[in-house]
Structures are given as C-alpha cells and as structure tokens.
Amino acid sequence: MDEHIFIALIAALVNLLLAVLVPCALNKTHLSMLDNVKSMFNQQKHMLVTSSVLVAVIVYLSLKAAPLVKAELPDAVLNLAHLGR
C-alpha cells in the first residue's frame, strides 16, 4: 500500500476518534462514557464520515503535492527553514 494512502487513512481515523471522544469527554451528562459515545456517533454519523473523508483526501493530496511545491520554491524561502539550526 502506498505510504501516503496509509498516512491519510490514519489521519481519518484520528479525526473520527477525536471528533467523537472530545465532545463526549467535555459533555457533562448522567450517561456513561460508552453510552455517550454511542449516542454521539448515532446523532453525528454523516458529519463524522464526511469530515473524515475530507481529512483523508486533504492529507493525501498534501503529501503528494509537497515534493512538487518544495521543488518550485526559491532557495531563499527554503533557507528560512534552516535559520533556527
């Protein structure tokens, strides 16, 4: 499997987990955490899937475009990355 696809899938999974767990952790209800996660997922299923797919596509395209963009940048811009060393 292409490593860019693998990284994009990992990013989508992290997005999915954080989109469910963070609101559930911050929400103060009488439900247990697992019940809260289930209800959150059932209510926000389409939004969670859509955002995870968007994250995967954006990460994949960014990883594919990074070498092309780096090759086109002038040396003066690339040297800015090495100023702190």
PDB file of N, CA and C in Angstrom:
ATOM      1  N   MET A   1       0.847  -1.182   0.000  1.00  0.00           N
ATOM      2  CA  MET A   1       0.000   0.000   0.000  1.00  0.00           C
ATOM      3  C   MET A   1       0.890   1.242   0.000  1.00  0.00           C
ATOM      4  N   ASP A   2       0.484   2.197  -0.776  1.00  0.00           N
ATOM      5  CA  ASP A   2       1.207   3.461  -0.840  1.00  0.00           C
ATOM      6  C   ASP A   2       1.230   4.097   0.549  1.00  0.00           C
ATOM      7  N   GLU A   3       2.397   4.556   0.982  1.00  0.00           N
ATOM      8  CA  GLU A   3       2.503   5.105   2.344  1.00  0.00           C
ATOM      9  C   GLU A   3       1.665   6.369   2.512  1.00  0.00           C
ATOM     10  N   HIS A   4       1.441   7.110   1.436  1.00  0.00           N
ATOM     11  CA  HIS A   4       0.601   8.305   1.543  1.00  0.00           C
ATOM     12  C   HIS A   4      -0.852   7.933   1.829  1.00  0.00           C
ATOM     13  N   ILE A   5      -1.330   6.866   1.221  1.00  0.00           N
ATOM     14  CA  ILE A   5      -2.697   6.402   1.493  1.00  0.00           C
ATOM     15  C   ILE A   5      -2.797   5.918   2.929  1.00  0.00           C
ATOM     16  N   PHE A   6      -1.796   5.194   3.390  1.00  0.00           N
ATOM     17  CA  PHE A   6      -1.794   4.695   4.765  1.00  0.00           C
ATOM     18  C   PHE A   6      -1.824   5.855   5.764  1.00  0.00           C
ATOM     19  N   ILE A   7      -1.018   6.868   5.546  1.00  0.00           N
ATOM     20  CA  ILE A   7      -0.996   8.035   6.439  1.00  0.00           C
ATOM     21  C   ILE A   7      -2.327   8.767   6.391  1.00  0.00           C
ATOM     22  N   ALA A   8      -2.929   8.871   5.203  1.00  0.00           N
ATOM     23  CA  ALA A   8      -4.222   9.533   5.069  1.00  0.00           C
ATOM     24  C   ALA A   8      -5.311   8.765   5.815  1.00  0.00           C
ATOM     25  N   LEU A   9      -5.269   7.438   5.758  1.00  0.00           N
ATOM     26  CA  LEU A   9      -6.248   6.630   6.495  1.00  0.00           C
ATOM     27  C   LEU A   9      -6.068   6.769   8.001  1.00  0.00           C
ATOM     28  N   ILE A  10      -4.827   6.812   8.461  1.00  0.00           N
ATOM     29  CA  ILE A  10      -4.565   7.020   9.885  1.00  0.00           C
ATOM     30  C   ILE A  10      -5.090   8.389  10.319  1.00  0.00           C
ATOM     31  N   ALA A  11      -4.867   9.409   9.497  1.00  0.00           N
ATOM     32  CA  ALA A  11      -5.365  10.752   9.815  1.00  0.00           C
ATOM     33  C   ALA A  11      -6.886  10.767   9.879  1.00  0.00           C
ATOM     34  N   ALA A  12      -7.547  10.045   8.989  1.00  0.00           N
ATOM     35  CA  ALA A  12      -9.009   9.981   9.009  1.00  0.00           C
ATOM     36  C   ALA A  12      -9.503   9.278  10.269  1.00  0.00           C
ATOM     37  N   LEU A  13      -8.824   8.211  10.689  1.00  0.00           N
ATOM     38  CA  LEU A  13      -9.212   7.509  11.912  1.00  0.00           C
ATOM     39  C   LEU A  13      -9.001   8.383  13.151  1.00  0.00           C
ATOM     40  N   VAL A  14      -7.900   9.103  13.185  1.00  0.00           N
ATOM     41  CA  VAL A  14      -7.646  10.005  14.312  1.00  0.00           C
ATOM     42  C   VAL A  14      -8.705  11.099  14.346  1.00  0.00           C
ATOM     43  N   ASN A  15      -9.064  11.623  13.169  1.00  0.00           N
ATOM     44  CA  ASN A  15     -10.121  12.632  13.099  1.00  0.00           C
ATOM     45  C   ASN A  15     -11.433  12.073  13.635  1.00  0.00           C
ATOM     46  N   LEU A  16     -11.772  10.858  13.236  1.00  0.00           N
ATOM     47  CA  LEU A  16     -13.009  10.233  13.682  1.00  0.00           C
ATOM     48  C   LEU A  16     -13.019  10.038  15.195  1.00  0.00           C
ATOM     49  N   LEU A  17     -11.919   9.526  15.723  1.00  0.00           N
ATOM     50  CA  LEU A  17     -11.842   9.302  17.168  1.00  0.00           C
ATOM     51  C   LEU A  17     -11.935  10.607  17.958  1.00  0.00           C
ATOM     52  N   LEU A  18     -11.181  11.602  17.529  1.00  0.00           N
ATOM     53  CA  LEU A  18     -11.199  12.872  18.258  1.00  0.00           C
ATOM     54  C   LEU A  18     -12.533  13.589  18.119  1.00  0.00           C
ATOM     55  N   ALA A  19     -13.179  13.470  16.960  1.00  0.00           N
ATOM     56  CA  ALA A  19     -14.475  14.124  16.767  1.00  0.00           C
ATOM     57  C   ALA A  19     -15.554  13.505  17.642  1.00  0.00           C
ATOM     58  N   VAL A  20     -15.379  12.263  18.024  1.00  0.00           N
ATOM     59  CA  VAL A  20     -16.362  11.613  18.905  1.00  0.00           C
ATOM     60  C   VAL A  20     -15.960  11.751  20.371  1.00  0.00           C
ATOM     61  N   LEU A  21     -14.698  11.492  20.679  1.00  0.00           N
ATOM     62  CA  LEU A  21     -14.276  11.427  22.077  1.00  0.00           C
ATOM     63  C   LEU A  21     -14.183  12.787  22.763  1.00  0.00           C
ATOM     64  N   VAL A  22     -13.698  13.798  22.067  1.00  0.00           N
ATOM     65  CA  VAL A  22     -13.524  15.106  22.710  1.00  0.00           C
ATOM     66  C   VAL A  22     -14.861  15.700  23.134  1.00  0.00           C
ATOM     67  N   PRO A  23     -15.880  15.759  22.265  1.00  0.00           N
ATOM     68  CA  PRO A  23     -17.164  16.289  22.746  1.00  0.00           C
ATOM     69  C   PRO A  23     -17.777  15.451  23.864  1.00  0.00           C
ATOM     70  N   CYS A  24     -17.590  14.131  23.799  1.00  0.00           N
ATOM     71  CA  CYS A  24     -18.136  13.268  24.853  1.00  0.00           C
ATOM     72  C   CYS A  24     -17.406  13.480  26.171  1.00  0.00           C
ATOM     73  N   ALA A  25     -16.114  13.721  26.105  1.00  0.00           N
ATOM     74  CA  ALA A  25     -15.346  13.944  27.328  1.00  0.00           C
ATOM     75  C   ALA A  25     -15.693  15.288  27.957  1.00  0.00           C
ATOM     76  N   LEU A  26     -16.019  16.273  27.131  1.00  0.00           N
ATOM     77  CA  LEU A  26     -16.338  17.598  27.650  1.00  0.00           C
ATOM     78  C   LEU A  26     -17.801  17.742  28.049  1.00  0.00           C
ATOM     79  N   ASN A  27     -18.646  16.842  27.556  1.00  0.00           N
ATOM     80  CA  ASN A  27     -20.073  16.906  27.838  1.00  0.00           C
ATOM     81  C   ASN A  27     -20.357  16.295  29.211  1.00  0.00           C
ATOM     82  N   LYS A  28     -21.002  17.043  30.051  1.00  0.00           N
ATOM     83  CA  LYS A  28     -21.328  16.546  31.389  1.00  0.00           C
ATOM     84  C   LYS A  28     -22.780  16.041  31.395  1.00  0.00           C
ATOM     85  N   THR A  29     -22.932  14.712  31.301  1.00  0.00           N
ATOM     86  CA  THR A  29     -24.253  14.099  31.337  1.00  0.00           C
ATOM     87  C   THR A  29     -24.239  12.970  32.357  1.00  0.00           C
ATOM     88  N   HIS A  30     -25.412  12.453  32.607  1.00  0.00           N
ATOM     89  CA  HIS A  30     -25.532  11.334  33.539  1.00  0.00           C
ATOM     90  C   HIS A  30     -25.208   9.996  32.871  1.00  0.00           C
ATOM     91  N   LEU A  31     -25.033   9.992  31.547  1.00  0.00           N
ATOM     92  CA  LEU A  31     -24.717   8.767  30.817  1.00  0.00           C
ATOM     93  C   LEU A  31     -23.252   8.375  31.014  1.00  0.00           C
ATOM     94  N   SER A  32     -22.984   7.080  30.888  1.00  0.00           N
ATOM     95  CA  SER A  32     -21.590   6.634  30.934  1.00  0.00           C
ATOM     96  C   SER A  32     -20.882   7.080  29.662  1.00  0.00           C
ATOM     97  N   MET A  33     -19.571   7.032  29.676  1.00  0.00           N
ATOM     98  CA  MET A  33     -18.790   7.480  28.526  1.00  0.00           C
ATOM     99  C   MET A  33     -19.131   6.661  27.284  1.00  0.00           C
ATOM    100  N   LEU A  34     -19.276   5.345  27.429  1.00  0.00           N
ATOM    101  CA  LEU A  34     -19.582   4.484  26.287  1.00  0.00           C
ATOM    102  C   LEU A  34     -20.965   4.797  25.715  1.00  0.00           C
ATOM    103  N   ASP A  35     -21.949   4.988  26.571  1.00  0.00           N
ATOM    104  CA  ASP A  35     -23.287   5.351  26.094  1.00  0.00           C
ATOM    105  C   ASP A  35     -23.270   6.718  25.415  1.00  0.00           C
ATOM    106  N   ASN A  36     -22.498   7.628  25.958  1.00  0.00           N
ATOM    107  CA  ASN A  36     -22.372   8.954  25.381  1.00  0.00           C
ATOM    108  C   ASN A  36     -21.728   8.884  24.001  1.00  0.00           C
ATOM    109  N   VAL A  37     -20.697   8.050  23.847  1.00  0.00           N
ATOM    110  CA  VAL A  37     -20.032   7.874  22.554  1.00  0.00           C
ATOM    111  C   VAL A  37     -21.000   7.266  21.544  1.00  0.00           C
ATOM    112  N   LYS A  38     -21.764   6.262  21.950  1.00  0.00           N
ATOM    113  CA  LYS A  38     -22.733   5.634  21.045  1.00  0.00           C
ATOM    114  C   LYS A  38     -23.772   6.636  20.569  1.00  0.00           C
ATOM    115  N   SER A  39     -24.322   7.415  21.486  1.00  0.00           N
ATOM    116  CA  SER A  39     -25.346   8.385  21.088  1.00  0.00           C
ATOM    117  C   SER A  39     -24.760   9.485  20.215  1.00  0.00           C
ATOM    118  N   MET A  40     -23.545   9.922  20.520  1.00  0.00           N
ATOM    119  CA  MET A  40     -22.892  10.944  19.707  1.00  0.00           C
ATOM    120  C   MET A  40     -22.662  10.423  18.293  1.00  0.00           C
ATOM    121  N   PHE A  41     -22.194   9.178  18.187  1.00  0.00           N
ATOM    122  CA  PHE A  41     -21.936   8.610  16.863  1.00  0.00           C
ATOM    123  C   PHE A  41     -23.231   8.459  16.076  1.00  0.00           C
ATOM    124  N   ASN A  42     -24.295   8.013  16.727  1.00  0.00           N
ATOM    125  CA  ASN A  42     -25.572   7.848  16.027  1.00  0.00           C
ATOM    126  C   ASN A  42     -26.146   9.176  15.565  1.00  0.00           C
ATOM    127  N   GLN A  43     -25.972  10.226  16.354  1.00  0.00           N
ATOM    128  CA  GLN A  43     -26.517  11.533  16.003  1.00  0.00           C
ATOM    129  C   GLN A  43     -25.695  12.213  14.915  1.00  0.00           C
ATOM    130  N   GLN A  44     -24.388  12.053  14.949  1.00  0.00           N
ATOM    131  CA  GLN A  44     -23.487  12.802  14.066  1.00  0.00           C
ATOM    132  C   GLN A  44     -22.812  11.925  13.005  1.00  0.00           C
ATOM    133  N   LYS A  45     -23.402  10.783  12.688  1.00  0.00           N
ATOM    134  CA  LYS A  45     -22.767   9.803  11.814  1.00  0.00           C
ATOM    135  C   LYS A  45     -22.348  10.387  10.457  1.00  0.00           C
ATOM    136  N   HIS A  46     -23.239  11.080   9.795  1.00  0.00           N
ATOM    137  CA  HIS A  46     -22.937  11.601   8.459  1.00  0.00           C
ATOM    138  C   HIS A  46     -21.872  12.679   8.507  1.00  0.00           C
ATOM    139  N   MET A  47     -21.929  13.536   9.510  1.00  0.00           N
ATOM    140  CA  MET A  47     -20.936  14.595   9.644  1.00  0.00           C
ATOM    141  C   MET A  47     -19.558  14.011   9.951  1.00  0.00           C
ATOM    142  N   LEU A  48     -19.499  12.997  10.781  1.00  0.00           N
ATOM    143  CA  LEU A  48     -18.228  12.366  11.130  1.00  0.00           C
ATOM    144  C   LEU A  48     -17.594  11.679   9.928  1.00  0.00           C
ATOM    145  N   VAL A  49     -18.387  10.982   9.157  1.00  0.00           N
ATOM    146  CA  VAL A  49     -17.864  10.294   7.975  1.00  0.00           C
ATOM    147  C   VAL A  49     -17.394  11.317   6.940  1.00  0.00           C
ATOM    148  N   THR A  50     -18.195  12.357   6.737  1.00  0.00           N
ATOM    149  CA  THR A  50     -17.829  13.387   5.765  1.00  0.00           C
ATOM    150  C   THR A  50     -16.527  14.077   6.150  1.00  0.00           C
ATOM    151  N   SER A  51     -16.395  14.459   7.414  1.00  0.00           N
ATOM    152  CA  SER A  51     -15.173  15.148   7.832  1.00  0.00           C
ATOM    153  C   SER A  51     -13.961  14.219   7.768  1.00  0.00           C
ATOM    154  N   SER A  52     -14.138  12.949   8.073  1.00  0.00           N
ATOM    155  CA  SER A  52     -13.021  12.006   8.000  1.00  0.00           C
ATOM    156  C   SER A  52     -12.578  11.773   6.559  1.00  0.00           C
ATOM    157  N   VAL A  53     -13.523  11.693   5.644  1.00  0.00           N
ATOM    158  CA  VAL A  53     -13.172  11.540   4.229  1.00  0.00           C
ATOM    159  C   VAL A  53     -12.444  12.790   3.735  1.00  0.00           C
ATOM    160  N   LEU A  54     -12.934  13.968   4.125  1.00  0.00           N
ATOM    161  CA  LEU A  54     -12.262  15.209   3.724  1.00  0.00           C
ATOM    162  C   LEU A  54     -10.847  15.284   4.272  1.00  0.00           C
ATOM    163  N   VAL A  55     -10.657  14.889   5.521  1.00  0.00           N
ATOM    164  CA  VAL A  55      -9.320  14.897   6.115  1.00  0.00           C
ATOM    165  C   VAL A  55      -8.410  13.939   5.358  1.00  0.00           C
ATOM    166  N   ALA A  56      -8.905  12.754   5.036  1.00  0.00           N
ATOM    167  CA  ALA A  56      -8.087  11.773   4.315  1.00  0.00           C
ATOM    168  C   ALA A  56      -7.682  12.306   2.941  1.00  0.00           C
ATOM    169  N   VAL A  57      -8.610  12.917   2.224  1.00  0.00           N
ATOM    170  CA  VAL A  57      -8.300  13.440   0.888  1.00  0.00           C
ATOM    171  C   VAL A  57      -7.308  14.596   0.977  1.00  0.00           C
ATOM    172  N   ILE A  58      -7.507  15.506   1.929  1.00  0.00           N
ATOM    173  CA  ILE A  58      -6.616  16.657   2.065  1.00  0.00           C
ATOM    174  C   ILE A  58      -5.213  16.213   2.467  1.00  0.00           C
ATOM    175  N   VAL A  59      -5.104  15.275   3.389  1.00  0.00           N
ATOM    176  CA  VAL A  59      -3.783  14.779   3.802  1.00  0.00           C
ATOM    177  C   VAL A  59      -3.097  14.075   2.643  1.00  0.00           C
ATOM    178  N   TYR A  60      -3.826  13.252   1.910  1.00  0.00           N
ATOM    179  CA  TYR A  60      -3.244  12.544   0.770  1.00  0.00           C
ATOM    180  C   TYR A  60      -2.740  13.530  -0.286  1.00  0.00           C
ATOM    181  N   LEU A  61      -3.572  14.493  -0.655  1.00  0.00           N
ATOM    182  CA  LEU A  61      -3.160  15.470  -1.663  1.00  0.00           C
ATOM    183  C   LEU A  61      -1.999  16.329  -1.180  1.00  0.00           C
ATOM    184  N   SER A  62      -1.980  16.659   0.098  1.00  0.00           N
ATOM    185  CA  SER A  62      -0.871  17.445   0.644  1.00  0.00           C
ATOM    186  C   SER A  62       0.436  16.669   0.589  1.00  0.00           C
ATOM    187  N   LEU A  63       0.388  15.393   0.930  1.00  0.00           N
ATOM    188  CA  LEU A  63       1.598  14.576   0.877  1.00  0.00           C
ATOM    189  C   LEU A  63       2.084  14.368  -0.554  1.00  0.00           C
ATOM    190  N   LYS A  64       1.163  14.255  -1.501  1.00  0.00           N
ATOM    191  CA  LYS A  64       1.549  14.104  -2.899  1.00  0.00           C
ATOM    192  C   LYS A  64       2.099  15.412  -3.471  1.00  0.00           C
ATOM    193  N   ALA A  65       1.557  16.546  -3.036  1.00  0.00           N
ATOM    194  CA  ALA A  65       1.960  17.840  -3.594  1.00  0.00           C
ATOM    195  C   ALA A  65       3.214  18.406  -2.934  1.00  0.00           C
ATOM    196  N   ALA A  66       3.554  17.964  -1.747  1.00  0.00           N
ATOM    197  CA  ALA A  66       4.683  18.544  -1.010  1.00  0.00           C
ATOM    198  C   ALA A  66       5.998  18.503  -1.785  1.00  0.00           C
ATOM    199  N   PRO A  67       6.391  17.392  -2.400  1.00  0.00           N
ATOM    200  CA  PRO A  67       7.657  17.403  -3.155  1.00  0.00           C
ATOM    201  C   PRO A  67       7.622  18.361  -4.348  1.00  0.00           C
ATOM    202  N   LEU A  68       6.476  18.475  -5.000  1.00  0.00           N
ATOM    203  CA  LEU A  68       6.359  19.382  -6.144  1.00  0.00           C
ATOM    204  C   LEU A  68       6.473  20.834  -5.715  1.00  0.00           C
ATOM    205  N   VAL A  69       5.838  21.164  -4.605  1.00  0.00           N
ATOM    206  CA  VAL A  69       5.893  22.538  -4.107  1.00  0.00           C
ATOM    207  C   VAL A  69       7.300  22.864  -3.628  1.00  0.00           C
ATOM    208  N   LYS A  70       7.927  21.924  -2.962  1.00  0.00           N
ATOM    209  CA  LYS A  70       9.291  22.155  -2.468  1.00  0.00           C
ATOM    210  C   LYS A  70      10.270  22.370  -3.618  1.00  0.00           C
ATOM    211  N   ALA A  71      10.090  21.660  -4.702  1.00  0.00           N
ATOM    212  CA  ALA A  71      10.978  21.806  -5.857  1.00  0.00           C
ATOM    213  C   ALA A  71      10.806  23.165  -6.536  1.00  0.00           C
ATOM    214  N   GLU A  72       9.628  23.746  -6.428  1.00  0.00           N
ATOM    215  CA  GLU A  72       9.345  25.027  -7.082  1.00  0.00           C
ATOM    216  C   GLU A  72       9.722  26.236  -6.230  1.00  0.00           C
ATOM    217  N   LEU A  73       9.937  26.048  -4.944  1.00  0.00           N
ATOM    218  CA  LEU A  73      10.256  27.183  -4.072  1.00  0.00           C
ATOM    219  C   LEU A  73      11.663  27.686  -4.334  1.00  0.00           C
ATOM    220  N   PRO A  74      11.850  28.994  -4.269  1.00  0.00           N
ATOM    221  CA  PRO A  74      13.211  29.523  -4.421  1.00  0.00           C
ATOM    222  C   PRO A  74      14.077  29.150  -3.218  1.00  0.00           C
ATOM    223  N   ASP A  75      15.386  29.156  -3.421  1.00  0.00           N
ATOM    224  CA  ASP A  75      16.322  28.773  -2.357  1.00  0.00           C
ATOM    225  C   ASP A  75      16.207  29.689  -1.139  1.00  0.00           C
ATOM    226  N   ALA A  76      15.902  30.956  -1.344  1.00  0.00           N
ATOM    227  CA  ALA A  76      15.792  31.888  -0.218  1.00  0.00           C
ATOM    228  C   ALA A  76      14.677  31.468   0.733  1.00  0.00           C
ATOM    229  N   VAL A  77      13.568  30.983   0.200  1.00  0.00           N
ATOM    230  CA  VAL A  77      12.466  30.526   1.042  1.00  0.00           C
ATOM    231  C   VAL A  77      12.841  29.239   1.752  1.00  0.00           C
ATOM    232  N   LEU A  78      13.517  28.338   1.050  1.00  0.00           N
ATOM    233  CA  LEU A  78      13.928  27.076   1.670  1.00  0.00           C
ATOM    234  C   LEU A  78      14.938  27.294   2.769  1.00  0.00           C
ATOM    235  N   ASN A  79      15.777  28.318   2.654  1.00  0.00           N
ATOM    236  CA  ASN A  79      16.775  28.611   3.686  1.00  0.00           C
ATOM    237  C   ASN A  79      16.130  29.106   4.979  1.00  0.00           C
ATOM    238  N   LEU A  80      14.916  29.623   4.919  1.00  0.00           N
ATOM    239  CA  LEU A  80      14.237  30.075   6.130  1.00  0.00           C
ATOM    240  C   LEU A  80      13.983  28.921   7.098  1.00  0.00           C
ATOM    241  N   ALA A  81      13.822  27.742   6.569  1.00  0.00           N
ATOM    242  CA  ALA A  81      13.593  26.573   7.422  1.00  0.00           C
ATOM    243  C   ALA A  81      14.816  26.208   8.237  1.00  0.00           C
ATOM    244  N   HIS A  82      15.989  26.624   7.795  1.00  0.00           N
ATOM    245  CA  HIS A  82      17.235  26.264   8.463  1.00  0.00           C
ATOM    246  C   HIS A  82      17.779  27.385   9.368  1.00  0.00           C
ATOM    247  N   LEU A  83      17.024  28.460   9.560  1.00  0.00           N
ATOM    248  CA  LEU A  83      17.511  29.575  10.370  1.00  0.00           C
ATOM    249  C   LEU A  83      17.691  29.202  11.837  1.00  0.00           C
ATOM    250  N   GLY A  84      16.819  28.380  12.360  1.00  0.00           N
ATOM    251  CA  GLY A  84      16.888  28.043  13.791  1.00  0.00           C
ATOM    252  C   GLY A  84      17.945  27.026  14.147  1.00  0.00           C
ATOM    253  N   ARG A  85      18.617  26.467  13.214  1.00  0.00           N
ATOM    254  CA  ARG A  85      19.610  25.424  13.496  1.00  0.00           C
ATOM    255  C   ARG A  85      20.961  25.958  13.772  1.00  0.00           C
TER     256      ARG A  85
END
